[in-house]
Amino acid sequence: MICALGSAVCFGTASVLQAVATRAAEPGTGSGVDPALLLRALRQWRYVAGLALDGLGFVLQIVALRSIPIYAVGAALAASLAVTAVVAARLLNTRLSRTEWAAVAAVCAGLAMLGLASGEEGDRAGSDALRWAMLGVAFAVLLAGTVAGRLPDRARALVLGLGAGCGFGVVEVSVRLIDTVSLPEVLTNPALYALLLGGGAAFLLLTSALQRGSVTTATAGMVIGETIGPALVGVVWLGDRTREGLEWLAVAGFVVAVAGALALARFGEPPSTAPAEISPSGG
């Protein structure tokens, strides 16, 4: 659980840096997913720093996924929004209201409940059908980005965010479906390609959402996509369980943590001020 929380800290801090960087990048000409936006964003040092934190967070996420159930890791990753809120309050000169501090407290309480209730990761290896299904979902995430370009602004942000969340969810499940990293066996595992495609597509959709749509709506969609689906897959197909008699505490903790994260979704939205106006204390 410590690794999952460390991952949340990395992702939450990275989202603040990347939100500011993508808004500072030169806008594209389309309304949907813009692959060139990633290249423009890479010219911003804050985006590069965010990517470094994402890389560290991903390593910690893998360690967590190999140790505790997917539902616990997913809730911890959703809690990265609480980290985003606190970091934004410090670096972007925003203020948390009492209600928002209550949401941060709810996230922490939900994670504490999950930590007490969660057991060890499931012992089921997962079927080949599930591995191919994850690859199919990864392709569907890319398709969602294409469809999003034809939707109205608010709907587009929701589809991009939900698609990004599903892509990150594919990564969570795929890590569990890769039972060996030895060559050449790993190269024949569809879960490896699902992980790479799902992760890449998720970054692409999220980067476009951060620049072009309502980031609040996109972030809320992302939280839903990366928590609920993977949690169900872990319980139903991979055998994730709770400690004996504490199923109710795990469910309650999951709901409280995700609800608190959704309440803080607006902190994915960067301020209207230019990046140069950010306090020097923010790095």
Foldseek 3Di string as FASTA:
>chain_A
DVLLLLLLLLQLQLLQLLLQLLQPFDDDDFQFFDPCSVVRSVVRVSNVSSVVSNVSSVVSLLVVLQWWFLQLSLLSNLLSLLSNVVLCVVWVVDDDDPVLVVLNVLLVVLSVLQVQWFDTFFPALFDLVVLVVLLVLLVVLLVLRVVLRPDPQLVSLLSLLLSLLLLLQLLSVLSSNQPDPDPPVSVPGSSVVSNVSSNVSSVRSLSSSSHRHQQLNSSLSNSVNNNDVSNVCRVPGRPTDIPPPSPVSNVSSSVSSSVSSNVSSNSSHHDPDHPVPTDPVSD
